[in-house]
Protein backbone atom coordinates (compact mmCIF):
# COMPACT_ATOMS: atom_id res chain seq x y z
CA MET A 1 14.78 -15.03 -16.93
CA SER A 2 16.29 -12.84 -14.20
CA LEU A 3 15.25 -9.71 -16.12
CA THR A 4 11.62 -10.85 -16.19
CA PHE A 5 11.79 -11.66 -12.49
CA SER A 6 13.19 -8.23 -11.56
CA LEU A 7 10.52 -6.59 -13.75
CA PHE A 8 7.87 -8.61 -11.92
CA LEU A 9 9.33 -7.44 -8.58
CA GLU A 10 9.19 -3.80 -9.70
CA ILE A 11 5.56 -4.15 -10.81
CA THR A 12 4.66 -5.83 -7.52
CA GLU A 13 6.38 -3.07 -5.55
CA LEU A 14 4.47 -0.45 -7.53
CA ASP A 15 1.18 -2.27 -6.91
CA LEU A 16 1.96 -2.40 -3.19
CA LYS A 17 2.62 1.34 -3.15
CA ILE A 18 -0.69 2.02 -4.93
CA VAL A 19 -2.58 -0.26 -2.53
CA PHE A 20 -0.89 1.42 0.44
CA PHE A 21 -1.75 4.88 -0.95
CA ILE A 22 -5.41 3.87 -1.39
CA PHE A 23 -5.46 2.40 2.12
CA VAL A 24 -4.07 5.64 3.60
CA ASN A 25 -6.66 7.68 1.68
CA LEU A 26 -9.45 5.44 2.97
CA SER A 27 -8.15 5.88 6.51
CA VAL A 28 -8.19 9.66 6.02
CA VAL A 29 -11.78 9.50 4.74
CA ILE A 30 -12.85 7.43 7.74
CA SER A 31 -11.04 9.73 10.17
CA PHE A 32 -11.78 13.20 8.82
CA GLY A 33 -14.73 12.73 6.46
CA SER A 34 -15.19 13.13 2.72
CA PRO A 35 -14.84 16.95 2.23
CA LEU A 36 -11.20 17.00 3.36
CA PHE A 37 -10.46 14.00 1.14
CA PHE A 38 -11.92 15.72 -1.91
CA LEU A 39 -10.00 18.88 -1.05
CA THR A 40 -6.76 16.89 -0.88
CA LEU A 41 -7.64 15.09 -4.12
CA GLY A 42 -8.21 18.45 -5.81
CA LYS A 43 -4.86 19.73 -4.55
CA LEU A 44 -3.11 16.59 -5.81
CA ALA A 45 -4.82 16.88 -9.19
CA SER A 46 -3.93 20.56 -9.58
CA PHE A 47 -0.35 19.86 -8.47
CA GLY A 48 -0.09 17.01 -11.00
CA MET A 49 -1.40 19.25 -13.78
CA TYR A 50 1.03 22.00 -12.75
CA SER A 51 4.05 19.67 -12.68
CA SER A 52 3.14 18.11 -16.04
CA ARG A 53 2.66 21.56 -17.60
CA LYS A 54 6.01 22.69 -16.19
CA LYS A 55 8.01 20.05 -18.09
């Protein structure tokens, strides 16, 4: 039972991080406008592809 509970806590923590990340991105969009957001998204995507290719 404790294993399931700790797993649930990890999932909840991950969800909170994702929600926080989305919230920060929305704040950036509101503050600086869409072009900068898409530029950042492109950088993140290219960095993710680079790091996954590197492994």
